[in-house]
């Protein structure tokens, strides 16, 4: 059968599926005032606002704003075996470094690979220079608590922390998915790096179907465990947190990323 793009486009419209361009034009640009963008583009500002509004976030260990502060970080982290390094203005997971342990003077990444102190410093220096930031502008670096994911995800995640993205429109959660790290994504929950996106039914909080790259999947490629029918813990709490985070942002259309920690519960990333 010959592929007919017009028929495909018509069918997608019928089922309510829009492309990125239409989403941006009809929702992002229409319902979001640009003056509020820094509230979600700057992770340090987002964290401060969330704390002010009583919303749960991972504990902040350190902030690096200047090159000369890099060497001081090792002393601040000497009693921390695990943590996450994030550029304040990064996007798509670029520049995020997950440290899961130590071996002597080296840091162990979530992938299991070891990283020297020199390479660690170089990574932070790159982030400060704007290598990972939106627009390539000089940036700051956050170092924060590394989430220990809920045991329910043990069989559907590869060396990383799954997160739940909830799309909130005009204050109401309308769509959601959970992003599952894979070997290909190096333990990161980012779709463009190879994580799996699994849709979540809003009323029940249960997973329904998944996509890995451009392929529909029912099992995790690394663990071979089913990703369908999982019930997300604390689902009602996640919906409430997402709605409150949307109100905090001032945006009419926004995606809220939430992780489930095994001891601390839901937290906004």
C-alpha atoms as a PDB file:
ATOM      1  CA  UNK A   1       0.000   0.000   0.000  1.00  0.00           C
ATOM      2  CA  UNK A   2       1.358   3.416  -0.983  1.00  0.00           C
ATOM      3  CA  UNK A   3       2.005   5.854   1.860  1.00  0.00           C
ATOM      4  CA  UNK A   4      -0.308   8.866   1.611  1.00  0.00           C
ATOM      5  CA  UNK A   5       0.893  11.748   3.816  1.00  0.00           C
ATOM      6  CA  UNK A   6      -2.386  13.650   3.388  1.00  0.00           C
ATOM      7  CA  UNK A   7      -4.394  10.713   4.693  1.00  0.00           C
ATOM      8  CA  UNK A   8      -2.003  10.302   7.607  1.00  0.00           C
ATOM      9  CA  UNK A   9      -2.236  14.015   8.472  1.00  0.00           C
ATOM     10  CA  UNK A  10      -6.034  13.859   8.270  1.00  0.00           C
ATOM     11  CA  UNK A  11      -6.130  10.817  10.543  1.00  0.00           C
ATOM     12  CA  UNK A  12      -3.823  12.453  13.078  1.00  0.00           C
ATOM     13  CA  UNK A  13      -6.090  15.501  13.210  1.00  0.00           C
ATOM     14  CA  UNK A  14      -9.111  13.263  13.717  1.00  0.00           C
ATOM     15  CA  UNK A  15      -7.597  11.649  16.787  1.00  0.00           C
ATOM     16  CA  UNK A  16      -6.430  15.007  18.168  1.00  0.00           C
ATOM     17  CA  UNK A  17      -2.688  14.571  17.641  1.00  0.00           C
ATOM     18  CA  UNK A  18      -0.820  17.779  16.796  1.00  0.00           C
ATOM     19  CA  UNK A  19       2.740  18.307  15.622  1.00  0.00           C
ATOM     20  CA  UNK A  20       5.365  20.350  17.425  1.00  0.00           C
ATOM     21  CA  UNK A  21       4.852  23.402  15.216  1.00  0.00           C
ATOM     22  CA  UNK A  22       1.100  23.455  15.818  1.00  0.00           C
ATOM     23  CA  UNK A  23       1.620  22.870  19.526  1.00  0.00           C
ATOM     24  CA  UNK A  24       3.979  25.823  19.706  1.00  0.00           C
ATOM     25  CA  UNK A  25       1.679  28.110  17.716  1.00  0.00           C
ATOM     26  CA  UNK A  26      -1.662  27.142  19.280  1.00  0.00           C
ATOM     27  CA  UNK A  27      -0.592  26.520  22.876  1.00  0.00           C
ATOM     28  CA  UNK A  28       2.929  27.562  23.882  1.00  0.00           C
ATOM     29  CA  UNK A  29       2.896  30.983  22.210  1.00  0.00           C
ATOM     30  CA  UNK A  30      -0.794  31.643  22.738  1.00  0.00           C
ATOM     31  CA  UNK A  31      -1.085  30.819  26.428  1.00  0.00           C
ATOM     32  CA  UNK A  32       2.385  31.649  27.779  1.00  0.00           C
ATOM     33  CA  UNK A  33       3.599  35.181  28.427  1.00  0.00           C
ATOM     34  CA  UNK A  34       7.284  35.544  27.650  1.00  0.00           C
ATOM     35  CA  UNK A  35       7.951  37.467  30.875  1.00  0.00           C
ATOM     36  CA  UNK A  36       7.362  34.231  32.801  1.00  0.00           C
ATOM     37  CA  UNK A  37       9.783  32.091  30.762  1.00  0.00           C
ATOM     38  CA  UNK A  38      12.712  32.576  33.207  1.00  0.00           C
ATOM     39  CA  UNK A  39      10.637  30.819  35.875  1.00  0.00           C
ATOM     40  CA  UNK A  40      10.975  27.569  33.956  1.00  0.00           C
ATOM     41  CA  UNK A  41      14.126  28.160  31.866  1.00  0.00           C
ATOM     42  CA  UNK A  42      16.348  28.873  34.907  1.00  0.00           C
ATOM     43  CA  UNK A  43      16.519  25.773  37.116  1.00  0.00           C
ATOM     44  CA  UNK A  44      17.957  27.734  40.044  1.00  0.00           C
ATOM     45  CA  UNK A  45      15.084  30.236  39.948  1.00  0.00           C
ATOM     46  CA  UNK A  46      12.574  27.406  39.527  1.00  0.00           C
ATOM     47  CA  UNK A  47      13.931  25.676  42.621  1.00  0.00           C
ATOM     48  CA  UNK A  48      13.810  28.873  44.703  1.00  0.00           C
ATOM     49  CA  UNK A  49      10.211  29.577  43.633  1.00  0.00           C
ATOM     50  CA  UNK A  50       9.170  25.995  44.346  1.00  0.00           C
ATOM     51  CA  UNK A  51      10.592  26.172  47.870  1.00  0.00           C
ATOM     52  CA  UNK A  52       8.794  29.485  48.460  1.00  0.00           C
ATOM     53  CA  UNK A  53       5.517  27.880  47.342  1.00  0.00           C
ATOM     54  CA  UNK A  54       5.996  24.790  49.499  1.00  0.00           C
ATOM     55  CA  UNK A  55       6.554  22.436  46.570  1.00  0.00           C
ATOM     56  CA  UNK A  56       8.950  19.486  47.041  1.00  0.00           C
ATOM     57  CA  UNK A  57      12.306  19.638  45.211  1.00  0.00           C
ATOM     58  CA  UNK A  58      15.649  17.783  45.563  1.00  0.00           C
ATOM     59  CA  UNK A  59      17.966  19.310  48.172  1.00  0.00           C
ATOM     60  CA  UNK A  60      20.490  21.780  46.750  1.00  0.00           C
ATOM     61  CA  UNK A  61      24.085  20.968  47.777  1.00  0.00           C
ATOM     62  CA  UNK A  62      26.026  23.669  45.940  1.00  0.00           C
ATOM     63  CA  UNK A  63      25.895  26.314  43.214  1.00  0.00           C
ATOM     64  CA  UNK A  64      28.909  27.077  41.024  1.00  0.00           C
ATOM     65  CA  UNK A  65      28.805  30.478  39.341  1.00  0.00           C
ATOM     66  CA  UNK A  66      32.494  31.206  38.629  1.00  0.00           C
ATOM     67  CA  UNK A  67      35.511  29.205  37.440  1.00  0.00           C
ATOM     68  CA  UNK A  68      37.444  29.815  40.660  1.00  0.00           C
ATOM     69  CA  UNK A  69      34.658  28.095  42.637  1.00  0.00           C
ATOM     70  CA  UNK A  70      35.106  24.741  40.899  1.00  0.00           C
ATOM     71  CA  UNK A  71      37.915  23.471  43.150  1.00  0.00           C
ATOM     72  CA  UNK A  72      35.844  24.311  46.239  1.00  0.00           C
ATOM     73  CA  UNK A  73      33.106  21.929  45.116  1.00  0.00           C
ATOM     74  CA  UNK A  74      35.102  18.797  45.960  1.00  0.00           C
ATOM     75  CA  UNK A  75      35.302  19.824  49.621  1.00  0.00           C
ATOM     76  CA  UNK A  76      31.571  20.571  49.725  1.00  0.00           C
ATOM     77  CA  UNK A  77      30.828  17.131  48.281  1.00  0.00           C
ATOM     78  CA  UNK A  78      33.345  15.092  50.276  1.00  0.00           C
ATOM     79  CA  UNK A  79      30.588  13.515  52.396  1.00  0.00           C
ATOM     80  CA  UNK A  80      28.255  12.938  49.436  1.00  0.00           C
ATOM     81  CA  UNK A  81      28.543   9.642  47.596  1.00  0.00           C
ATOM     82  CA  UNK A  82      25.839  10.467  45.067  1.00  0.00           C
ATOM     83  CA  UNK A  83      24.591  13.694  43.534  1.00  0.00           C
ATOM     84  CA  UNK A  84      23.507  15.299  40.261  1.00  0.00           C
ATOM     85  CA  UNK A  85      25.227  18.122  38.367  1.00  0.00           C
ATOM     86  CA  UNK A  86      22.942  20.328  36.236  1.00  0.00           C
ATOM     87  CA  UNK A  87      23.460  23.439  34.108  1.00  0.00           C
ATOM     88  CA  UNK A  88      20.925  26.041  35.271  1.00  0.00           C
ATOM     89  CA  UNK A  89      19.831  26.799  31.708  1.00  0.00           C
ATOM     90  CA  UNK A  90      20.319  23.378  30.138  1.00  0.00           C
ATOM     91  CA  UNK A  91      17.649  21.641  28.086  1.00  0.00           C
ATOM     92  CA  UNK A  92      16.935  18.141  26.876  1.00  0.00           C
ATOM     93  CA  UNK A  93      19.200  16.627  29.511  1.00  0.00           C
ATOM     94  CA  UNK A  94      22.355  18.096  27.970  1.00  0.00           C
ATOM     95  CA  UNK A  95      25.109  18.605  30.519  1.00  0.00           C
ATOM     96  CA  UNK A  96      23.420  16.619  33.283  1.00  0.00           C
ATOM     97  CA  UNK A  97      25.924  14.452  35.134  1.00  0.00           C
ATOM     98  CA  UNK A  98      24.669  11.771  37.525  1.00  0.00           C
ATOM     99  CA  UNK A  99      27.211  10.554  40.082  1.00  0.00           C
ATOM    100  CA  UNK A 100      26.220   7.332  41.843  1.00  0.00           C
ATOM    101  CA  UNK A 101      29.327   6.654  43.927  1.00  0.00           C
ATOM    102  CA  UNK A 102      33.085   6.973  44.329  1.00  0.00           C
ATOM    103  CA  UNK A 103      36.225   4.931  43.900  1.00  0.00           C
ATOM    104  CA  UNK A 104      39.175   6.616  45.538  1.00  0.00           C
ATOM    105  CA  UNK A 105      39.489  10.102  44.088  1.00  0.00           C
ATOM    106  CA  UNK A 106      37.301   9.241  41.102  1.00  0.00           C
ATOM    107  CA  UNK A 107      33.554   9.646  40.671  1.00  0.00           C
ATOM    108  CA  UNK A 108      31.366   6.807  39.430  1.00  0.00           C
ATOM    109  CA  UNK A 109      28.772   7.839  36.852  1.00  0.00           C
ATOM    110  CA  UNK A 110      25.315   6.270  36.663  1.00  0.00           C
ATOM    111  CA  UNK A 111      26.539   4.259  33.655  1.00  0.00           C
ATOM    112  CA  UNK A 112      29.196   2.650  35.876  1.00  0.00           C
ATOM    113  CA  UNK A 113      32.100   4.452  34.201  1.00  0.00           C
ATOM    114  CA  UNK A 114      34.653   6.247  36.373  1.00  0.00           C
ATOM    115  CA  UNK A 115      35.399   9.955  36.023  1.00  0.00           C
ATOM    116  CA  UNK A 116      38.555  11.661  37.247  1.00  0.00           C
ATOM    117  CA  UNK A 117      38.463  14.853  39.298  1.00  0.00           C
ATOM    118  CA  UNK A 118      40.059  16.640  36.352  1.00  0.00           C
ATOM    119  CA  UNK A 119      37.328  15.487  33.972  1.00  0.00           C
ATOM    120  CA  UNK A 120      34.714  16.443  36.561  1.00  0.00           C
ATOM    121  CA  UNK A 121      36.179  19.955  36.773  1.00  0.00           C
ATOM    122  CA  UNK A 122      36.290  20.165  32.990  1.00  0.00           C
ATOM    123  CA  UNK A 123      32.609  19.233  32.740  1.00  0.00           C
ATOM    124  CA  UNK A 124      31.619  21.997  35.160  1.00  0.00           C
ATOM    125  CA  UNK A 125      33.861  24.464  33.338  1.00  0.00           C
ATOM    126  CA  UNK A 126      32.155  23.600  30.049  1.00  0.00           C
ATOM    127  CA  UNK A 127      28.761  24.140  31.653  1.00  0.00           C
ATOM    128  CA  UNK A 128      29.811  27.529  33.038  1.00  0.00           C
ATOM    129  CA  UNK A 129      31.004  28.601  29.588  1.00  0.00           C
ATOM    130  CA  UNK A 130      27.537  27.924  28.185  1.00  0.00           C
ATOM    131  CA  UNK A 131      28.262  24.716  26.271  1.00  0.00           C
ATOM    132  CA  UNK A 132      24.967  23.177  27.419  1.00  0.00           C
ATOM    133  CA  UNK A 133      22.844  26.289  27.955  1.00  0.00           C
ATOM    134  CA  UNK A 134      20.048  27.724  25.841  1.00  0.00           C
ATOM    135  CA  UNK A 135      21.606  30.157  23.381  1.00  0.00           C
ATOM    136  CA  UNK A 136      25.133  29.269  24.502  1.00  0.00           C
ATOM    137  CA  UNK A 137      25.178  31.975  27.165  1.00  0.00           C
ATOM    138  CA  UNK A 138      27.419  31.737  30.282  1.00  0.00           C
ATOM    139  CA  UNK A 139      25.666  29.671  32.904  1.00  0.00           C
ATOM    140  CA  UNK A 140      25.607  28.531  36.513  1.00  0.00           C
ATOM    141  CA  UNK A 141      25.764  24.943  37.743  1.00  0.00           C
ATOM    142  CA  UNK A 142      23.548  23.306  40.348  1.00  0.00           C
ATOM    143  CA  UNK A 143      24.644  20.286  42.359  1.00  0.00           C
ATOM    144  CA  UNK A 144      21.789  18.557  44.136  1.00  0.00           C
ATOM    145  CA  UNK A 145      20.473  15.418  45.810  1.00  0.00           C
ATOM    146  CA  UNK A 146      20.414  12.336  43.584  1.00  0.00           C
ATOM    147  CA  UNK A 147      16.958  10.810  43.632  1.00  0.00           C
ATOM    148  CA  UNK A 148      16.706   7.148  44.638  1.00  0.00           C
ATOM    149  CA  UNK A 149      13.863   5.889  42.512  1.00  0.00           C
ATOM    150  CA  UNK A 150      10.817   4.057  43.846  1.00  0.00           C
ATOM    151  CA  UNK A 151      11.193   0.225  43.910  1.00  0.00           C
ATOM    152  CA  UNK A 152       8.257  -0.141  41.512  1.00  0.00           C
ATOM    153  CA  UNK A 153      10.608   1.002  38.741  1.00  0.00           C
ATOM    154  CA  UNK A 154      13.407  -1.482  39.506  1.00  0.00           C
ATOM    155  CA  UNK A 155      12.487  -3.710  36.548  1.00  0.00           C
ATOM    156  CA  UNK A 156      11.830  -0.978  33.991  1.00  0.00           C
ATOM    157  CA  UNK A 157      14.813   1.340  34.367  1.00  0.00           C
ATOM    158  CA  UNK A 158      18.482   1.084  33.445  1.00  0.00           C
ATOM    159  CA  UNK A 159      20.847   2.732  35.973  1.00  0.00           C
ATOM    160  CA  UNK A 160      18.889   5.949  36.198  1.00  0.00           C
ATOM    161  CA  UNK A 161      15.881   7.735  37.609  1.00  0.00           C
ATOM    162  CA  UNK A 162      12.596   7.615  35.676  1.00  0.00           C
ATOM    163  CA  UNK A 163      10.568  10.796  35.732  1.00  0.00           C
ATOM    164  CA  UNK A 164       6.956  11.684  35.066  1.00  0.00           C
ATOM    165  CA  UNK A 165       6.108  14.597  32.785  1.00  0.00           C
ATOM    166  CA  UNK A 166       2.627  16.039  33.257  1.00  0.00           C
ATOM    167  CA  UNK A 167       1.299  18.579  30.768  1.00  0.00           C
ATOM    168  CA  UNK A 168      -0.872  21.182  32.501  1.00  0.00           C
ATOM    169  CA  UNK A 169      -3.193  23.367  30.441  1.00  0.00           C
ATOM    170  CA  UNK A 170      -4.986  26.299  32.067  1.00  0.00           C
ATOM    171  CA  UNK A 171      -4.408  24.736  35.483  1.00  0.00           C
ATOM    172  CA  UNK A 172      -5.611  21.236  34.577  1.00  0.00           C
ATOM    173  CA  UNK A 173      -3.395  18.169  34.002  1.00  0.00           C
ATOM    174  CA  UNK A 174      -4.350  16.927  30.529  1.00  0.00           C
ATOM    175  CA  UNK A 175      -1.580  14.507  29.488  1.00  0.00           C
ATOM    176  CA  UNK A 176       1.192  12.557  31.148  1.00  0.00           C
ATOM    177  CA  UNK A 177       3.987  10.129  30.439  1.00  0.00           C
ATOM    178  CA  UNK A 178       6.775   8.428  32.324  1.00  0.00           C
ATOM    179  CA  UNK A 179      10.254   8.458  30.796  1.00  0.00           C
ATOM    180  CA  UNK A 180      12.303   5.337  31.455  1.00  0.00           C
ATOM    181  CA  UNK A 181      16.123   5.400  31.202  1.00  0.00           C
ATOM    182  CA  UNK A 182      17.843   2.831  28.995  1.00  0.00           C
ATOM    183  CA  UNK A 183      21.390   1.714  28.269  1.00  0.00           C
ATOM    184  CA  UNK A 184      21.236   3.823  25.107  1.00  0.00           C
ATOM    185  CA  UNK A 185      20.273   6.949  27.087  1.00  0.00           C
ATOM    186  CA  UNK A 186      23.167   6.370  29.525  1.00  0.00           C
ATOM    187  CA  UNK A 187      20.743   6.154  32.444  1.00  0.00           C
ATOM    188  CA  UNK A 188      19.076   9.490  31.642  1.00  0.00           C
ATOM    189  CA  UNK A 189      15.322   9.961  31.321  1.00  0.00           C
ATOM    190  CA  UNK A 190      15.548  11.963  28.096  1.00  0.00           C
ATOM    191  CA  UNK A 191      13.704  10.773  25.011  1.00  0.00           C
ATOM    192  CA  UNK A 192      16.057  12.240  22.414  1.00  0.00           C
ATOM    193  CA  UNK A 193      18.970  10.441  24.081  1.00  0.00           C
ATOM    194  CA  UNK A 194      17.217   7.066  23.957  1.00  0.00           C
ATOM    195  CA  UNK A 195      14.843   6.847  26.923  1.00  0.00           C
ATOM    196  CA  UNK A 196      11.386   5.287  26.525  1.00  0.00           C
ATOM    197  CA  UNK A 197       8.251   7.418  26.692  1.00  0.00           C
ATOM    198  CA  UNK A 198       5.270   5.594  28.190  1.00  0.00           C
ATOM    199  CA  UNK A 199       1.842   7.208  28.214  1.00  0.00           C
ATOM    200  CA  UNK A 200      -0.089   7.398  31.499  1.00  0.00           C
ATOM    201  CA  UNK A 201      -3.871   7.316  31.744  1.00  0.00           C
ATOM    202  CA  UNK A 202      -4.784  10.507  33.640  1.00  0.00           C
ATOM    203  CA  UNK A 203      -7.835   9.156  35.578  1.00  0.00           C
ATOM    204  CA  UNK A 204      -6.151   5.937  36.781  1.00  0.00           C
ATOM    205  CA  UNK A 205      -2.425   6.691  36.790  1.00  0.00           C
ATOM    206  CA  UNK A 206      -1.662   3.465  34.910  1.00  0.00           C
ATOM    207  CA  UNK A 207       0.759   3.158  32.002  1.00  0.00           C
ATOM    208  CA  UNK A 208      -0.809   2.280  28.681  1.00  0.00           C
ATOM    209  CA  UNK A 209       1.670   2.191  25.771  1.00  0.00           C
ATOM    210  CA  UNK A 210       5.266   3.102  25.070  1.00  0.00           C
ATOM    211  CA  UNK A 211       7.484   4.487  22.323  1.00  0.00           C
ATOM    212  CA  UNK A 212      11.253   4.022  22.022  1.00  0.00           C
ATOM    213  CA  UNK A 213      12.730   6.190  19.299  1.00  0.00           C
ATOM    214  CA  UNK A 214      10.127   5.825  16.561  1.00  0.00           C
ATOM    215  CA  UNK A 215       9.021   2.321  17.523  1.00  0.00           C
ATOM    216  CA  UNK A 216       6.088   1.244  19.725  1.00  0.00           C
ATOM    217  CA  UNK A 217       7.275  -1.021  22.556  1.00  0.00           C
ATOM    218  CA  UNK A 218       5.647  -3.067  25.294  1.00  0.00           C
ATOM    219  CA  UNK A 219       8.810  -4.146  27.123  1.00  0.00           C
ATOM    220  CA  UNK A 220      11.934  -2.391  28.351  1.00  0.00           C
ATOM    221  CA  UNK A 221      14.731  -3.215  25.858  1.00  0.00           C
ATOM    222  CA  UNK A 222      17.335  -3.800  28.586  1.00  0.00           C
ATOM    223  CA  UNK A 223      15.302  -5.567  31.277  1.00  0.00           C
ATOM    224  CA  UNK A 224      12.709  -7.212  28.972  1.00  0.00           C
ATOM    225  CA  UNK A 225      10.078  -6.408  31.602  1.00  0.00           C
ATOM    226  CA  UNK A 226       6.608  -5.210  30.601  1.00  0.00           C
ATOM    227  CA  UNK A 227       6.072  -1.448  30.757  1.00  0.00           C
ATOM    228  CA  UNK A 228       2.299  -1.698  30.326  1.00  0.00           C
ATOM    229  CA  UNK A 229      -0.202  -1.552  33.193  1.00  0.00           C
ATOM    230  CA  UNK A 230       2.121  -0.152  35.868  1.00  0.00           C
ATOM    231  CA  UNK A 231       0.308   1.903  38.483  1.00  0.00           C
ATOM    232  CA  UNK A 232       2.211   5.099  39.299  1.00  0.00           C
ATOM    233  CA  UNK A 233       2.481   5.561  43.109  1.00  0.00           C
ATOM    234  CA  UNK A 234       1.081   8.742  44.692  1.00  0.00           C
ATOM    235  CA  UNK A 235      -0.702   9.571  41.439  1.00  0.00           C
ATOM    236  CA  UNK A 236      -3.199  12.025  42.948  1.00  0.00           C
ATOM    237  CA  UNK A 237      -0.318  13.801  44.711  1.00  0.00           C
ATOM    238  CA  UNK A 238       1.567  14.082  41.418  1.00  0.00           C
ATOM    239  CA  UNK A 239      -1.430  15.672  39.704  1.00  0.00           C
ATOM    240  CA  UNK A 240      -1.825  18.187  42.540  1.00  0.00           C
ATOM    241  CA  UNK A 241       1.887  19.048  42.533  1.00  0.00           C
ATOM    242  CA  UNK A 242       1.777  19.569  38.765  1.00  0.00           C
ATOM    243  CA  UNK A 243      -1.255  21.860  38.997  1.00  0.00           C
ATOM    244  CA  UNK A 244       0.351  23.912  41.784  1.00  0.00           C
ATOM    245  CA  UNK A 245       3.634  24.131  39.874  1.00  0.00           C
ATOM    246  CA  UNK A 246       1.731  25.410  36.855  1.00  0.00           C
ATOM    247  CA  UNK A 247       0.159  28.156  38.971  1.00  0.00           C
ATOM    248  CA  UNK A 248       3.603  29.033  40.358  1.00  0.00           C
ATOM    249  CA  UNK A 249       5.023  29.395  36.844  1.00  0.00           C
ATOM    250  CA  UNK A 250       2.302  31.738  35.600  1.00  0.00           C
ATOM    251  CA  UNK A 251       2.193  29.791  32.319  1.00  0.00           C
ATOM    252  CA  UNK A 252      -1.015  28.542  30.734  1.00  0.00           C
ATOM    253  CA  UNK A 253       0.625  25.576  29.007  1.00  0.00           C
ATOM    254  CA  UNK A 254       3.540  23.910  30.761  1.00  0.00           C
ATOM    255  CA  UNK A 255       5.181  20.534  31.300  1.00  0.00           C
ATOM    256  CA  UNK A 256       6.028  19.640  34.903  1.00  0.00           C
ATOM    257  CA  UNK A 257       8.704  16.982  35.510  1.00  0.00           C
ATOM    258  CA  UNK A 258       8.338  14.989  38.720  1.00  0.00           C
ATOM    259  CA  UNK A 259      10.402  12.149  40.167  1.00  0.00           C
ATOM    260  CA  UNK A 260       9.411   9.599  42.790  1.00  0.00           C
ATOM    261  CA  UNK A 261      11.996   9.080  45.513  1.00  0.00           C
ATOM    262  CA  UNK A 262      11.748   5.861  47.515  1.00  0.00           C
ATOM    263  CA  UNK A 263      11.980   7.684  50.860  1.00  0.00           C
ATOM    264  CA  UNK A 264      11.144  11.335  50.114  1.00  0.00           C
ATOM    265  CA  UNK A 265       8.201  10.826  47.773  1.00  0.00           C
ATOM    266  CA  UNK A 266       7.374  13.009  44.735  1.00  0.00           C
ATOM    267  CA  UNK A 267       9.712  15.913  43.910  1.00  0.00           C
ATOM    268  CA  UNK A 268       9.818  18.443  41.079  1.00  0.00           C
ATOM    269  CA  UNK A 269      12.961  18.276  38.966  1.00  0.00           C
END
